[in-house]
PDB file of N, CA and C in Angstrom:
ATOM      1  N   UNK A   1     209.269  80.238  49.728  1.00  0.00           N
ATOM      2  CA  UNK A   1     208.103  79.463  49.399  1.00  0.00           C
ATOM      3  C   UNK A   1     207.180  80.364  48.587  1.00  0.00           C
ATOM      4  N   UNK A   2     206.603  79.802  47.539  1.00  0.00           N
ATOM      5  CA  UNK A   2     205.674  80.531  46.675  1.00  0.00           C
ATOM      6  C   UNK A   2     204.386  79.720  46.564  1.00  0.00           C
ATOM      7  N   UNK A   3     203.265  80.400  46.698  1.00  0.00           N
ATOM      8  CA  UNK A   3     201.965  79.739  46.553  1.00  0.00           C
ATOM      9  C   UNK A   3     200.987  80.719  45.922  1.00  0.00           C
ATOM     10  N   UNK A   4     199.972  80.170  45.267  1.00  0.00           N
ATOM     11  CA  UNK A   4     199.000  81.013  44.564  1.00  0.00           C
ATOM     12  C   UNK A   4     197.575  80.640  44.930  1.00  0.00           C
ATOM     13  N   UNK A   5     196.698  81.649  44.865  1.00  0.00           N
ATOM     14  CA  UNK A   5     195.264  81.427  45.044  1.00  0.00           C
ATOM     15  C   UNK A   5     194.910  80.788  46.369  1.00  0.00           C
ATOM     16  N   UNK A   6     194.063  79.770  46.307  1.00  0.00           N
ATOM     17  CA  UNK A   6     193.577  79.147  47.535  1.00  0.00           C
ATOM     18  C   UNK A   6     194.654  78.351  48.277  1.00  0.00           C
ATOM     19  N   UNK A   7     195.758  78.049  47.616  1.00  0.00           N
ATOM     20  CA  UNK A   7     196.859  77.359  48.289  1.00  0.00           C
ATOM     21  C   UNK A   7     197.697  78.328  49.129  1.00  0.00           C
ATOM     22  N   UNK A   8     197.533  79.627  48.905  1.00  0.00           N
ATOM     23  CA  UNK A   8     198.346  80.627  49.599  1.00  0.00           C
ATOM     24  C   UNK A   8     198.199  80.586  51.117  1.00  0.00           C
ATOM     25  N   UNK A   9     196.990  80.534  51.683  1.00  0.00           N
ATOM     26  CA  UNK A   9     196.887  80.476  53.143  1.00  0.00           C
ATOM     27  C   UNK A   9     197.502  79.204  53.741  1.00  0.00           C
ATOM     28  N   UNK A  10     197.406  78.104  53.016  1.00  0.00           N
ATOM     29  CA  UNK A  10     197.994  76.851  53.488  1.00  0.00           C
ATOM     30  C   UNK A  10     199.514  76.990  53.550  1.00  0.00           C
ATOM     31  N   UNK A  11     200.092  77.575  52.506  1.00  0.00           N
ATOM     32  CA  UNK A  11     201.538  77.795  52.487  1.00  0.00           C
ATOM     33  C   UNK A  11     201.965  78.765  53.584  1.00  0.00           C
ATOM     34  N   UNK A  12     201.163  79.789  53.813  1.00  0.00           N
ATOM     35  CA  UNK A  12     201.470  80.743  54.880  1.00  0.00           C
ATOM     36  C   UNK A  12     201.529  80.038  56.231  1.00  0.00           C
ATOM     37  N   UNK A  13     200.525  79.221  56.520  1.00  0.00           N
ATOM     38  CA  UNK A  13     200.526  78.496  57.792  1.00  0.00           C
ATOM     39  C   UNK A  13     201.712  77.543  57.889  1.00  0.00           C
ATOM     40  N   UNK A  14     202.032  76.872  56.799  1.00  0.00           N
ATOM     41  CA  UNK A  14     203.177  75.959  56.810  1.00  0.00           C
ATOM     42  C   UNK A  14     204.470  76.714  57.090  1.00  0.00           C
ATOM     43  N   UNK A  15     204.627  77.877  56.466  1.00  0.00           N
ATOM     44  CA  UNK A  15     205.848  78.663  56.659  1.00  0.00           C
ATOM     45  C   UNK A  15     205.972  79.193  58.087  1.00  0.00           C
ATOM     46  N   UNK A  16     204.835  79.524  58.693  1.00  0.00           N
ATOM     47  CA  UNK A  16     204.867  80.012  60.074  1.00  0.00           C
ATOM     48  C   UNK A  16     205.499  78.978  60.990  1.00  0.00           C
ATOM     49  N   UNK A  17     205.153  77.725  60.761  1.00  0.00           N
ATOM     50  CA  UNK A  17     205.631  76.655  61.637  1.00  0.00           C
ATOM     51  C   UNK A  17     206.910  75.990  61.150  1.00  0.00           C
ATOM     52  N   UNK A  18     207.467  76.485  60.044  1.00  0.00           N
ATOM     53  CA  UNK A  18     208.719  75.945  59.522  1.00  0.00           C
ATOM     54  C   UNK A  18     209.749  77.066  59.443  1.00  0.00           C
ATOM     55  N   UNK A  19     210.558  77.222  60.485  1.00  0.00           N
ATOM     56  CA  UNK A  19     211.488  78.358  60.536  1.00  0.00           C
ATOM     57  C   UNK A  19     212.561  78.348  59.443  1.00  0.00           C
ATOM     58  N   UNK A  20     212.758  77.242  58.765  1.00  0.00           N
ATOM     59  CA  UNK A  20     213.770  77.194  57.708  1.00  0.00           C
ATOM     60  C   UNK A  20     213.311  77.858  56.416  1.00  0.00           C
ATOM     61  N   UNK A  21     212.028  78.199  56.313  1.00  0.00           N
ATOM     62  CA  UNK A  21     211.521  78.918  55.137  1.00  0.00           C
ATOM     63  C   UNK A  21     211.956  80.373  55.274  1.00  0.00           C
ATOM     64  N   UNK A  22     212.840  80.865  54.373  1.00  0.00           N
ATOM     65  CA  UNK A  22     213.383  82.223  54.545  1.00  0.00           C
ATOM     66  C   UNK A  22     212.416  83.341  54.189  1.00  0.00           C
ATOM     67  N   UNK A  23     211.504  83.096  53.234  1.00  0.00           N
ATOM     68  CA  UNK A  23     210.551  84.121  52.826  1.00  0.00           C
ATOM     69  C   UNK A  23     209.354  83.447  52.158  1.00  0.00           C
ATOM     70  N   UNK A  24     208.263  84.197  52.056  1.00  0.00           N
ATOM     71  CA  UNK A  24     207.036  83.676  51.449  1.00  0.00           C
ATOM     72  C   UNK A  24     206.525  84.693  50.430  1.00  0.00           C
ATOM     73  N   UNK A  25     206.132  84.186  49.263  1.00  0.00           N
ATOM     74  CA  UNK A  25     205.496  85.004  48.235  1.00  0.00           C
ATOM     75  C   UNK A  25     204.139  84.388  47.936  1.00  0.00           C
ATOM     76  N   UNK A  26     203.094  85.188  48.078  1.00  0.00           N
ATOM     77  CA  UNK A  26     201.728  84.717  47.835  1.00  0.00           C
ATOM     78  C   UNK A  26     201.152  85.458  46.633  1.00  0.00           C
ATOM     79  N   UNK A  27     200.714  84.701  45.634  1.00  0.00           N
ATOM     80  CA  UNK A  27     200.146  85.268  44.416  1.00  0.00           C
ATOM     81  C   UNK A  27     198.630  85.237  44.501  1.00  0.00           C
ATOM     82  N   UNK A  28     198.009  86.390  44.439  1.00  0.00           N
ATOM     83  CA  UNK A  28     196.548  86.528  44.501  1.00  0.00           C
ATOM     84  C   UNK A  28     195.950  85.740  45.669  1.00  0.00           C
ATOM     85  N   UNK A  29     196.439  85.985  46.879  1.00  0.00           N
ATOM     86  CA  UNK A  29     195.907  85.237  48.021  1.00  0.00           C
ATOM     87  C   UNK A  29     194.542  85.754  48.452  1.00  0.00           C
ATOM     88  N   UNK A  30     193.687  84.879  48.974  1.00  0.00           N
ATOM     89  CA  UNK A  30     192.442  85.373  49.567  1.00  0.00           C
ATOM     90  C   UNK A  30     192.770  86.116  50.864  1.00  0.00           C
ATOM     91  N   UNK A  31     191.985  87.112  51.188  1.00  0.00           N
ATOM     92  CA  UNK A  31     192.245  87.885  52.407  1.00  0.00           C
ATOM     93  C   UNK A  31     191.484  87.345  53.613  1.00  0.00           C
ATOM     94  N   UNK A  32     190.555  86.415  53.358  1.00  0.00           N
ATOM     95  CA  UNK A  32     189.817  85.803  54.465  1.00  0.00           C
ATOM     96  C   UNK A  32     189.758  84.296  54.246  1.00  0.00           C
ATOM     97  N   UNK A  33     189.552  83.571  55.329  1.00  0.00           N
ATOM     98  CA  UNK A  33     189.415  82.122  55.231  1.00  0.00           C
ATOM     99  C   UNK A  33     188.180  81.758  54.425  1.00  0.00           C
ATOM    100  N   UNK A  34     187.151  82.567  54.488  1.00  0.00           N
ATOM    101  CA  UNK A  34     185.909  82.266  53.761  1.00  0.00           C
ATOM    102  C   UNK A  34     186.102  82.357  52.254  1.00  0.00           C
ATOM    103  N   UNK A  35     187.080  83.128  51.818  1.00  0.00           N
ATOM    104  CA  UNK A  35     187.368  83.249  50.388  1.00  0.00           C
ATOM    105  C   UNK A  35     188.328  82.171  49.904  1.00  0.00           C
ATOM    106  N   UNK A  36     188.937  81.446  50.827  1.00  0.00           N
ATOM    107  CA  UNK A  36     189.920  80.433  50.469  1.00  0.00           C
ATOM    108  C   UNK A  36     189.438  79.041  50.819  1.00  0.00           C
ATOM    109  N   UNK A  37     190.362  78.175  51.141  1.00  0.00           N
ATOM    110  CA  UNK A  37     190.029  76.800  51.527  1.00  0.00           C
ATOM    111  C   UNK A  37     189.269  76.791  52.838  1.00  0.00           C
ATOM    112  N   UNK A  38     188.547  75.724  53.066  1.00  0.00           N
ATOM    113  CA  UNK A  38     187.703  75.630  54.253  1.00  0.00           C
ATOM    114  C   UNK A  38     188.492  75.099  55.454  1.00  0.00           C
ATOM    115  N   UNK A  39     188.648  75.944  56.443  1.00  0.00           N
ATOM    116  CA  UNK A  39     189.203  75.557  57.744  1.00  0.00           C
ATOM    117  C   UNK A  39     188.133  75.924  58.758  1.00  0.00           C
ATOM    118  N   UNK A  40     187.335  74.971  59.136  1.00  0.00           N
ATOM    119  CA  UNK A  40     186.184  75.251  59.979  1.00  0.00           C
ATOM    120  C   UNK A  40     186.564  75.914  61.291  1.00  0.00           C
ATOM    121  N   UNK A  41     185.970  77.059  61.552  1.00  0.00           N
ATOM    122  CA  UNK A  41     186.126  77.756  62.815  1.00  0.00           C
ATOM    123  C   UNK A  41     187.413  78.533  62.999  1.00  0.00           C
ATOM    124  N   UNK A  42     188.372  78.423  62.075  1.00  0.00           N
ATOM    125  CA  UNK A  42     189.643  79.113  62.279  1.00  0.00           C
ATOM    126  C   UNK A  42     189.464  80.628  62.258  1.00  0.00           C
ATOM    127  N   UNK A  43     188.483  81.127  61.498  1.00  0.00           N
ATOM    128  CA  UNK A  43     188.279  82.571  61.421  1.00  0.00           C
ATOM    129  C   UNK A  43     187.763  83.167  62.726  1.00  0.00           C
ATOM    130  N   UNK A  44     187.313  82.338  63.643  1.00  0.00           N
ATOM    131  CA  UNK A  44     186.912  82.840  64.965  1.00  0.00           C
ATOM    132  C   UNK A  44     188.124  83.238  65.797  1.00  0.00           C
ATOM    133  N   UNK A  45     189.259  82.642  65.484  1.00  0.00           N
ATOM    134  CA  UNK A  45     190.466  82.834  66.283  1.00  0.00           C
ATOM    135  C   UNK A  45     191.510  83.679  65.568  1.00  0.00           C
ATOM    136  N   UNK A  46     191.666  83.440  64.267  1.00  0.00           N
ATOM    137  CA  UNK A  46     192.784  84.030  63.545  1.00  0.00           C
ATOM    138  C   UNK A  46     192.401  84.261  62.091  1.00  0.00           C
ATOM    139  N   UNK A  47     192.511  85.502  61.645  1.00  0.00           N
ATOM    140  CA  UNK A  47     192.297  85.803  60.237  1.00  0.00           C
ATOM    141  C   UNK A  47     193.589  85.625  59.464  1.00  0.00           C
ATOM    142  N   UNK A  48     193.507  85.619  58.159  1.00  0.00           N
ATOM    143  CA  UNK A  48     194.716  85.472  57.344  1.00  0.00           C
ATOM    144  C   UNK A  48     195.667  86.648  57.555  1.00  0.00           C
ATOM    145  N   UNK A  49     195.194  87.917  57.609  1.00  0.00           N
ATOM    146  CA  UNK A  49     196.136  89.010  57.894  1.00  0.00           C
ATOM    147  C   UNK A  49     196.823  88.864  59.261  1.00  0.00           C
ATOM    148  N   UNK A  50     196.113  88.367  60.250  1.00  0.00           N
ATOM    149  CA  UNK A  50     196.726  88.149  61.564  1.00  0.00           C
ATOM    150  C   UNK A  50     197.744  87.019  61.478  1.00  0.00           C
ATOM    151  N   UNK A  51     197.424  85.986  60.727  1.00  0.00           N
ATOM    152  CA  UNK A  51     198.374  84.889  60.536  1.00  0.00           C
ATOM    153  C   UNK A  51     199.630  85.392  59.834  1.00  0.00           C
ATOM    154  N   UNK A  52     199.463  86.326  58.910  1.00  0.00           N
ATOM    155  CA  UNK A  52     200.617  86.873  58.185  1.00  0.00           C
ATOM    156  C   UNK A  52     201.613  87.530  59.130  1.00  0.00           C
ATOM    157  N   UNK A  53     201.129  88.166  60.179  1.00  0.00           N
ATOM    158  CA  UNK A  53     202.043  88.833  61.113  1.00  0.00           C
ATOM    159  C   UNK A  53     202.887  87.836  61.892  1.00  0.00           C
ATOM    160  N   UNK A  54     202.424  86.591  61.995  1.00  0.00           N
ATOM    161  CA  UNK A  54     203.209  85.571  62.699  1.00  0.00           C
ATOM    162  C   UNK A  54     204.457  85.178  61.922  1.00  0.00           C
ATOM    163  N   UNK A  55     204.502  85.509  60.661  1.00  0.00           N
ATOM    164  CA  UNK A  55     205.671  85.201  59.839  1.00  0.00           C
ATOM    165  C   UNK A  55     206.809  86.189  60.080  1.00  0.00           C
ATOM    166  N   UNK A  56     206.489  87.380  60.530  1.00  0.00           N
ATOM    167  CA  UNK A  56     207.508  88.420  60.745  1.00  0.00           C
ATOM    168  C   UNK A  56     208.569  87.910  61.716  1.00  0.00           C
ATOM    169  N   UNK A  57     209.808  88.268  61.523  1.00  0.00           N
ATOM    170  CA  UNK A  57     210.364  89.272  60.604  1.00  0.00           C
ATOM    171  C   UNK A  57     210.740  88.729  59.233  1.00  0.00           C
ATOM    172  N   UNK A  58     210.409  87.491  58.926  1.00  0.00           N
ATOM    173  CA  UNK A  58     210.724  86.956  57.596  1.00  0.00           C
ATOM    174  C   UNK A  58     209.878  87.674  56.546  1.00  0.00           C
ATOM    175  N   UNK A  59     210.441  87.933  55.362  1.00  0.00           N
ATOM    176  CA  UNK A  59     209.719  88.689  54.333  1.00  0.00           C
ATOM    177  C   UNK A  59     208.476  87.967  53.826  1.00  0.00           C
ATOM    178  N   UNK A  60     207.409  88.746  53.644  1.00  0.00           N
ATOM    179  CA  UNK A  60     206.173  88.270  53.034  1.00  0.00           C
ATOM    180  C   UNK A  60     205.853  89.201  51.879  1.00  0.00           C
ATOM    181  N   UNK A  61     205.785  88.637  50.674  1.00  0.00           N
ATOM    182  CA  UNK A  61     205.459  89.395  49.471  1.00  0.00           C
ATOM    183  C   UNK A  61     204.063  88.998  49.020  1.00  0.00           C
ATOM    184  N   UNK A  62     203.183  89.979  48.908  1.00  0.00           N
ATOM    185  CA  UNK A  62     201.812  89.745  48.457  1.00  0.00           C
ATOM    186  C   UNK A  62     201.662  90.339  47.071  1.00  0.00           C
ATOM    187  N   UNK A  63     201.360  89.496  46.099  1.00  0.00           N
ATOM    188  CA  UNK A  63     201.271  89.931  44.703  1.00  0.00           C
ATOM    189  C   UNK A  63     199.838  89.754  44.227  1.00  0.00           C
ATOM    190  N   UNK A  64     199.294  90.805  43.638  1.00  0.00           N
ATOM    191  CA  UNK A  64     197.965  90.722  43.049  1.00  0.00           C
ATOM    192  C   UNK A  64     196.839  90.809  44.056  1.00  0.00           C
ATOM    193  N   UNK A  65     197.072  91.479  45.155  1.00  0.00           N
ATOM    194  CA  UNK A  65     196.016  91.705  46.141  1.00  0.00           C
ATOM    195  C   UNK A  65     196.116  93.144  46.633  1.00  0.00           C
ATOM    196  N   UNK A  66     194.995  93.808  46.819  1.00  0.00           N
ATOM    197  CA  UNK A  66     195.055  95.184  47.326  1.00  0.00           C
ATOM    198  C   UNK A  66     195.435  95.193  48.808  1.00  0.00           C
ATOM    199  N   UNK A  67     196.073  96.245  49.286  1.00  0.00           N
ATOM    200  CA  UNK A  67     196.484  96.307  50.687  1.00  0.00           C
ATOM    201  C   UNK A  67     195.334  96.467  51.681  1.00  0.00           C
ATOM    202  N   UNK A  68     194.178  96.965  51.235  1.00  0.00           N
ATOM    203  CA  UNK A  68     193.099  97.272  52.168  1.00  0.00           C
ATOM    204  C   UNK A  68     192.648  96.081  53.020  1.00  0.00           C
ATOM    205  N   UNK A  69     192.424  94.891  52.442  1.00  0.00           N
ATOM    206  CA  UNK A  69     191.988  93.779  53.290  1.00  0.00           C
ATOM    207  C   UNK A  69     193.054  93.326  54.290  1.00  0.00           C
ATOM    208  N   UNK A  70     194.277  93.746  54.079  1.00  0.00           N
ATOM    209  CA  UNK A  70     195.394  93.350  54.929  1.00  0.00           C
ATOM    210  C   UNK A  70     195.746  94.447  55.932  1.00  0.00           C
ATOM    211  N   UNK A  71     194.809  95.367  56.181  1.00  0.00           N
ATOM    212  CA  UNK A  71     195.069  96.532  57.031  1.00  0.00           C
ATOM    213  C   UNK A  71     195.596  96.140  58.414  1.00  0.00           C
ATOM    214  N   UNK A  72     195.095  95.064  58.970  1.00  0.00           N
ATOM    215  CA  UNK A  72     195.554  94.643  60.306  1.00  0.00           C
ATOM    216  C   UNK A  72     197.063  94.417  60.289  1.00  0.00           C
ATOM    217  N   UNK A  73     197.547  93.753  59.258  1.00  0.00           N
ATOM    218  CA  UNK A  73     198.985  93.487  59.153  1.00  0.00           C
ATOM    219  C   UNK A  73     199.759  94.742  58.767  1.00  0.00           C
ATOM    220  N   UNK A  74     199.210  95.539  57.856  1.00  0.00           N
ATOM    221  CA  UNK A  74     199.940  96.724  57.406  1.00  0.00           C
ATOM    222  C   UNK A  74     200.051  97.776  58.501  1.00  0.00           C
ATOM    223  N   UNK A  75     199.150  97.773  59.461  1.00  0.00           N
ATOM    224  CA  UNK A  75     199.248  98.719  60.572  1.00  0.00           C
ATOM    225  C   UNK A  75     200.504  98.475  61.403  1.00  0.00           C
ATOM    226  N   UNK A  76     201.040  97.272  61.381  1.00  0.00           N
ATOM    227  CA  UNK A  76     202.256  96.970  62.131  1.00  0.00           C
ATOM    228  C   UNK A  76     203.522  97.424  61.412  1.00  0.00           C
ATOM    229  N   UNK A  77     203.450  97.539  60.078  1.00  0.00           N
ATOM    230  CA  UNK A  77     204.637  97.848  59.291  1.00  0.00           C
ATOM    231  C   UNK A  77     205.251  99.210  59.634  1.00  0.00           C
ATOM    232  N   UNK A  78     204.475 100.305  59.759  1.00  0.00           N
ATOM    233  CA  UNK A  78     205.097 101.600  60.067  1.00  0.00           C
ATOM    234  C   UNK A  78     205.796 101.629  61.423  1.00  0.00           C
ATOM    235  N   UNK A  79     205.462 100.728  62.287  1.00  0.00           N
ATOM    236  CA  UNK A  79     206.075 100.713  63.606  1.00  0.00           C
ATOM    237  C   UNK A  79     207.453 100.051  63.593  1.00  0.00           C
ATOM    238  N   UNK A  80     207.848  99.520  62.447  1.00  0.00           N
ATOM    239  CA  UNK A  80     209.141  98.872  62.317  1.00  0.00           C
ATOM    240  C   UNK A  80     210.110  99.789  61.582  1.00  0.00           C
ATOM    241  N   UNK A  81     211.407  99.687  61.886  1.00  0.00           N
ATOM    242  CA  UNK A  81     212.383 100.456  61.111  1.00  0.00           C
ATOM    243  C   UNK A  81     212.353 100.013  59.641  1.00  0.00           C
ATOM    244  N   UNK A  82     212.630 100.903  58.695  1.00  0.00           N
ATOM    245  CA  UNK A  82     212.550 100.553  57.270  1.00  0.00           C
ATOM    246  C   UNK A  82     213.360  99.309  56.896  1.00  0.00           C
ATOM    247  N   UNK A  83     214.487  99.103  57.495  1.00  0.00           N
ATOM    248  CA  UNK A  83     215.319  97.948  57.154  1.00  0.00           C
ATOM    249  C   UNK A  83     214.684  96.630  57.590  1.00  0.00           C
ATOM    250  N   UNK A  84     213.731  96.682  58.522  1.00  0.00           N
ATOM    251  CA  UNK A  84     213.117  95.465  59.039  1.00  0.00           C
ATOM    252  C   UNK A  84     211.688  95.258  58.553  1.00  0.00           C
ATOM    253  N   UNK A  85     211.239  96.067  57.636  1.00  0.00           N
ATOM    254  CA  UNK A  85     209.865  95.910  57.140  1.00  0.00           C
ATOM    255  C   UNK A  85     209.761  94.607  56.382  1.00  0.00           C
ATOM    256  N   UNK A  86     208.836  93.812  56.790  1.00  0.00           N
ATOM    257  CA  UNK A  86     208.734  92.453  56.275  1.00  0.00           C
ATOM    258  C   UNK A  86     207.596  92.258  55.289  1.00  0.00           C
ATOM    259  N   UNK A  87     206.659  93.190  55.203  1.00  0.00           N
ATOM    260  CA  UNK A  87     205.472  93.033  54.368  1.00  0.00           C
ATOM    261  C   UNK A  87     205.579  93.934  53.147  1.00  0.00           C
ATOM    262  N   UNK A  88     205.423  93.320  51.962  1.00  0.00           N
ATOM    263  CA  UNK A  88     205.513  94.079  50.713  1.00  0.00           C
ATOM    264  C   UNK A  88     204.351  93.716  49.810  1.00  0.00           C
ATOM    265  N   UNK A  89     203.790  94.726  49.141  1.00  0.00           N
ATOM    266  CA  UNK A  89     202.716  94.520  48.166  1.00  0.00           C
ATOM    267  C   UNK A  89     203.258  94.827  46.781  1.00  0.00           C
ATOM    268  N   UNK A  90     202.884  94.008  45.817  1.00  0.00           N
ATOM    269  CA  UNK A  90     203.278  94.205  44.428  1.00  0.00           C
ATOM    270  C   UNK A  90     202.024  94.108  43.575  1.00  0.00           C
ATOM    271  N   UNK A  91     202.045  94.701  42.411  1.00  0.00           N
ATOM    272  CA  UNK A  91     200.886  94.708  41.521  1.00  0.00           C
ATOM    273  C   UNK A  91     200.412  93.336  41.118  1.00  0.00           C
ATOM    274  N   UNK A  92     200.010  93.194  39.887  1.00  0.00           N
ATOM    275  CA  UNK A  92     199.396  91.946  39.415  1.00  0.00           C
ATOM    276  C   UNK A  92     200.432  90.835  39.261  1.00  0.00           C
ATOM    277  N   UNK A  93     199.961  89.572  39.371  1.00  0.00           N
ATOM    278  CA  UNK A  93     200.886  88.439  39.243  1.00  0.00           C
ATOM    279  C   UNK A  93     201.420  88.263  37.844  1.00  0.00           C
TER     280      UNK A  93
END
């Protein structure tokens, strides 16, 4: 599944609940709900980086976003063996 911009968090949530989606690529995704589409109150419970970890172990490719806002998710990556690392960052879209 591929999604860009403000549609990226929606696609991420859809992929979490659809196990047949083998991988997700997000182009220039917002790192917070406040920067993306409006989901009232969801940021009190779950941020986008936390939602991203629910996709693991399926691959998640983030293109055109710096890794810093995704620190919560990236902190989990070193704890996994290299063959099972599911989170990847790529430069500009």
